[in-house]
Amino acid sequence: MTPAFFNPRLRSLPRGNVLVLGCLALSLVLSHFPHLRPNYWLALPLVGIAVGTLDTMRCMRKRWDFYHGGVILCIYMDLMVGILVLFLLLYPALA
């Protein structure tokens, strides 16, 4: 019996959050932050962030409660991380 965290068929909110935050850490390493250099391998963490956001969105419930509100906050966090990684990808190439 495997825990829900490792089973992709079951909903798991921590799995999506860990995937997104891991992709953020990977993108900071790949971009050589704070000395930004163009690196197009940052597209891979963007794909991971999209997968983590979709995994987080699977945890939404039909009726509103505080869990639903927490999931919405996690989705906002995923969007902010995605925009940050997109900035790390595009800023050095355009500046």
Protein backbone atom coordinates (compact mmCIF):
# COMPACT_ATOMS: atom_id res chain seq x y z
CA MET A 1 0.00 0.00 0.00
CA THR A 2 1.63 3.25 -1.14
CA PRO A 3 0.75 6.61 0.40
CA ALA A 4 -1.38 9.06 -1.59
CA PHE A 5 1.66 11.29 -2.03
CA PHE A 6 3.30 8.81 -4.42
CA ASN A 7 0.16 7.61 -6.21
CA PRO A 8 -0.64 9.96 -9.14
CA ARG A 9 -4.19 8.58 -9.43
CA LEU A 10 -5.14 9.94 -6.01
CA ARG A 11 -5.49 13.61 -5.14
CA SER A 12 -2.67 15.01 -3.02
CA LEU A 13 -2.27 18.71 -2.27
CA PRO A 14 1.27 18.43 -0.83
CA ARG A 15 2.49 16.62 -3.97
CA GLY A 16 1.58 19.59 -6.18
CA ASN A 17 3.10 22.09 -3.75
CA VAL A 18 6.34 20.13 -3.41
CA LEU A 19 6.60 19.79 -7.19
CA VAL A 20 6.12 23.55 -7.74
CA LEU A 21 8.55 24.59 -4.99
CA GLY A 22 11.11 22.03 -6.20
CA CYS A 23 10.86 23.48 -9.70
CA LEU A 24 11.38 26.95 -8.23
CA ALA A 25 14.56 25.81 -6.47
CA LEU A 26 15.76 24.12 -9.68
CA SER A 27 15.10 27.26 -11.71
CA LEU A 28 17.06 29.42 -9.26
CA VAL A 29 20.01 27.06 -9.61
CA LEU A 30 19.74 26.91 -13.41
CA SER A 31 19.54 30.69 -13.82
CA HIS A 32 22.63 31.26 -11.57
CA PHE A 33 20.63 33.65 -9.40
CA PRO A 34 21.50 36.53 -8.59
CA HIS A 35 23.82 36.73 -11.63
CA LEU A 36 21.18 36.04 -14.26
CA ARG A 37 22.34 34.39 -17.45
CA PRO A 38 20.22 33.26 -20.39
CA ASN A 39 19.43 29.57 -20.00
CA TYR A 40 16.71 27.96 -22.05
CA TRP A 41 16.67 24.86 -19.84
CA LEU A 42 14.37 26.91 -17.60
CA ALA A 43 11.53 25.77 -19.85
CA LEU A 44 11.64 22.37 -18.08
CA PRO A 45 10.79 23.82 -14.63
CA LEU A 46 7.97 25.76 -16.31
CA VAL A 47 6.49 22.46 -17.49
CA GLY A 48 6.91 21.03 -13.99
CA ILE A 49 5.15 24.05 -12.52
CA ALA A 50 2.25 23.59 -14.94
CA VAL A 51 1.96 19.92 -13.94
CA GLY A 52 2.09 20.83 -10.24
CA THR A 53 -0.58 23.50 -10.72
CA LEU A 54 -2.85 21.02 -12.49
CA ASP A 55 -2.27 18.55 -9.67
CA THR A 56 -3.23 21.25 -7.16
CA MET A 57 -6.35 22.15 -9.14
CA ARG A 58 -7.50 18.52 -8.95
CA CYS A 59 -7.96 19.02 -5.20
CA MET A 60 -10.72 21.62 -5.63
CA ARG A 61 -14.10 20.80 -4.12
CA LYS A 62 -17.50 21.67 -5.56
CA ARG A 63 -18.75 23.46 -2.45
CA TRP A 64 -16.81 26.25 -0.80
CA ASP A 65 -15.20 25.65 2.58
CA PHE A 66 -11.91 26.62 4.18
CA TYR A 67 -10.08 23.75 2.44
CA HIS A 68 -11.32 25.12 -0.90
CA GLY A 69 -10.00 28.57 0.08
CA GLY A 70 -6.62 27.05 0.98
CA VAL A 71 -6.43 25.32 -2.38
CA ILE A 72 -7.15 28.64 -4.11
CA LEU A 73 -4.28 30.23 -2.15
CA CYS A 74 -1.99 27.38 -3.26
CA ILE A 75 -3.02 27.97 -6.88
CA TYR A 76 -2.15 31.67 -6.50
CA MET A 77 1.24 30.63 -5.12
CA ASP A 78 1.74 28.38 -8.15
CA LEU A 79 0.91 31.26 -10.49
CA MET A 80 3.38 33.58 -8.73
CA VAL A 81 6.12 30.95 -8.97
CA GLY A 82 5.34 30.43 -12.67
CA ILE A 83 5.61 34.15 -13.37
CA LEU A 84 8.90 34.31 -11.44
CA VAL A 85 10.38 31.45 -13.48
CA LEU A 86 9.09 33.05 -16.68
CA PHE A 87 10.86 36.26 -15.62
CA LEU A 88 14.09 34.33 -14.98
CA LEU A 89 13.74 32.80 -18.45
CA LEU A 90 12.92 35.92 -20.43
CA TYR A 91 14.68 38.83 -18.68
CA PRO A 92 18.31 37.85 -19.45
CA ALA A 93 17.46 37.11 -23.08
CA LEU A 94 15.67 40.44 -23.60
CA ALA A 95 17.97 42.73 -21.58
